[in-house]
Amino acid sequence: MFTIEHEFDATLITLVDDGEAGQPLQEDVSIAAFAECITVTQYDPRTDREQVITLSLAQVRDLAAALDLPEGVYRLEKG
């Protein structure tokens, strides 16, 4: 399950772990899409802190492309 909210300066997506049979649930993941970057945030119960990863838009583009490619080394070209 997920939610999408449009804020003034970002689009916020929250991924909620519905769980699969017999699998432990993971903490929610929040993704904030800003004009210049994407942040991914998840609470870590081991440290009692939120962990935040910031990706540039180029990294997000590469990640999206990588999801559909086989093992290897790639560089995306403009055009």
C-alpha atoms as a PDB file:
ATOM      1  CA  MET A   1       0.000   0.000   0.000  1.00  0.00           C
ATOM      2  CA  PHE A   2       1.173   3.557  -0.600  1.00  0.00           C
ATOM      3  CA  THR A   3      -0.001   7.142  -0.264  1.00  0.00           C
ATOM      4  CA  ILE A   4       0.746  10.204  -2.395  1.00  0.00           C
ATOM      5  CA  GLU A   5       0.495  13.778  -1.095  1.00  0.00           C
ATOM      6  CA  HIS A   6       1.299  16.979  -2.982  1.00  0.00           C
ATOM      7  CA  GLU A   7       2.843  19.601  -0.711  1.00  0.00           C
ATOM      8  CA  PHE A   8       3.938  23.160  -1.537  1.00  0.00           C
ATOM      9  CA  ASP A   9       7.543  22.251  -2.371  1.00  0.00           C
ATOM     10  CA  ALA A  10       7.496  18.457  -2.774  1.00  0.00           C
ATOM     11  CA  THR A  11       5.515  15.367  -3.626  1.00  0.00           C
ATOM     12  CA  LEU A  12       5.498  12.923  -0.704  1.00  0.00           C
ATOM     13  CA  ILE A  13       5.082   9.194  -1.243  1.00  0.00           C
ATOM     14  CA  THR A  14       4.828   6.800   1.695  1.00  0.00           C
ATOM     15  CA  LEU A  15       5.289   3.071   1.136  1.00  0.00           C
ATOM     16  CA  VAL A  16       3.567   0.952   3.784  1.00  0.00           C
ATOM     17  CA  ASP A  17       4.694  -2.671   4.166  1.00  0.00           C
ATOM     18  CA  ASP A  18       1.544  -4.780   3.965  1.00  0.00           C
ATOM     19  CA  GLY A  19       3.656  -7.857   4.522  1.00  0.00           C
ATOM     20  CA  GLU A  20       3.693 -11.185   2.795  1.00  0.00           C
ATOM     21  CA  ALA A  21       2.683 -14.393   4.510  1.00  0.00           C
ATOM     22  CA  GLY A  22       5.177 -15.221   7.240  1.00  0.00           C
ATOM     23  CA  GLN A  23       7.480 -12.254   6.544  1.00  0.00           C
ATOM     24  CA  PRO A  24       8.217  -9.633   9.223  1.00  0.00           C
ATOM     25  CA  LEU A  25       6.962  -6.134   8.492  1.00  0.00           C
ATOM     26  CA  GLN A  26       9.442  -3.351   7.714  1.00  0.00           C
ATOM     27  CA  GLU A  27       9.059   0.296   8.746  1.00  0.00           C
ATOM     28  CA  ASP A  28       7.298   2.690   6.363  1.00  0.00           C
ATOM     29  CA  VAL A  29       9.441   4.357   3.702  1.00  0.00           C
ATOM     30  CA  SER A  30       8.855   8.041   2.899  1.00  0.00           C
ATOM     31  CA  ILE A  31      10.016   9.455  -0.421  1.00  0.00           C
ATOM     32  CA  ALA A  32      10.040  13.225  -0.946  1.00  0.00           C
ATOM     33  CA  ALA A  33      10.467  14.469  -4.514  1.00  0.00           C
ATOM     34  CA  PHE A  34      11.809  18.015  -4.659  1.00  0.00           C
ATOM     35  CA  ALA A  35      12.811  20.040  -7.748  1.00  0.00           C
ATOM     36  CA  GLU A  36      16.523  19.320  -7.180  1.00  0.00           C
ATOM     37  CA  CYS A  37      16.666  15.954  -5.367  1.00  0.00           C
ATOM     38  CA  ILE A  38      14.806  12.969  -3.928  1.00  0.00           C
ATOM     39  CA  THR A  39      15.040  11.950  -0.276  1.00  0.00           C
ATOM     40  CA  VAL A  40      14.269   8.474   1.039  1.00  0.00           C
ATOM     41  CA  THR A  41      13.575   8.229   4.794  1.00  0.00           C
ATOM     42  CA  GLN A  42      12.972   5.187   7.000  1.00  0.00           C
ATOM     43  CA  TYR A  43      12.874   4.818  10.776  1.00  0.00           C
ATOM     44  CA  ASP A  44      15.528   2.420  12.115  1.00  0.00           C
ATOM     45  CA  PRO A  45      14.307   0.829  15.375  1.00  0.00           C
ATOM     46  CA  ARG A  46      17.819  -0.472  16.156  1.00  0.00           C
ATOM     47  CA  THR A  47      19.185   3.070  16.480  1.00  0.00           C
ATOM     48  CA  ASP A  48      15.850   4.801  17.268  1.00  0.00           C
ATOM     49  CA  ARG A  49      16.630   7.295  14.484  1.00  0.00           C
ATOM     50  CA  GLU A  50      15.399   8.065  11.008  1.00  0.00           C
ATOM     51  CA  GLN A  51      17.850   7.242   8.244  1.00  0.00           C
ATOM     52  CA  VAL A  52      17.813   9.610   5.256  1.00  0.00           C
ATOM     53  CA  ILE A  53      19.324   9.066   1.818  1.00  0.00           C
ATOM     54  CA  THR A  54      19.464  11.933  -0.699  1.00  0.00           C
ATOM     55  CA  LEU A  55      19.624  11.119  -4.411  1.00  0.00           C
ATOM     56  CA  SER A  56      20.264  13.553  -7.240  1.00  0.00           C
ATOM     57  CA  LEU A  57      17.784  13.494 -10.112  1.00  0.00           C
ATOM     58  CA  ALA A  58      20.488  11.853 -12.271  1.00  0.00           C
ATOM     59  CA  GLN A  59      20.839   9.061  -9.692  1.00  0.00           C
ATOM     60  CA  VAL A  60      17.065   8.550  -9.664  1.00  0.00           C
ATOM     61  CA  ARG A  61      17.068   8.368 -13.478  1.00  0.00           C
ATOM     62  CA  ASP A  62      19.854   5.781 -13.379  1.00  0.00           C
ATOM     63  CA  LEU A  63      18.038   3.775 -10.691  1.00  0.00           C
ATOM     64  CA  ALA A  64      14.824   3.714 -12.736  1.00  0.00           C
ATOM     65  CA  ALA A  65      16.747   2.488 -15.806  1.00  0.00           C
ATOM     66  CA  ALA A  66      18.670  -0.108 -13.773  1.00  0.00           C
ATOM     67  CA  LEU A  67      15.481  -1.809 -12.597  1.00  0.00           C
ATOM     68  CA  ASP A  68      14.887  -3.152 -16.125  1.00  0.00           C
ATOM     69  CA  LEU A  69      18.443  -4.030 -17.187  1.00  0.00           C
ATOM     70  CA  PRO A  70      20.513  -7.196 -16.779  1.00  0.00           C
ATOM     71  CA  GLU A  71      23.772  -7.337 -14.811  1.00  0.00           C
ATOM     72  CA  GLY A  72      26.505  -5.080 -16.217  1.00  0.00           C
ATOM     73  CA  VAL A  73      27.954  -1.549 -16.291  1.00  0.00           C
ATOM     74  CA  TYR A  74      25.958   1.177 -18.041  1.00  0.00           C
ATOM     75  CA  ARG A  75      25.994   4.909 -18.762  1.00  0.00           C
ATOM     76  CA  LEU A  76      22.861   6.665 -19.943  1.00  0.00           C
ATOM     77  CA  GLU A  77      23.392   9.112 -22.806  1.00  0.00           C
ATOM     78  CA  LYS A  78      21.250  12.181 -23.439  1.00  0.00           C
ATOM     79  CA  GLY A  79      19.428  12.292 -26.730  1.00  0.00           C
END
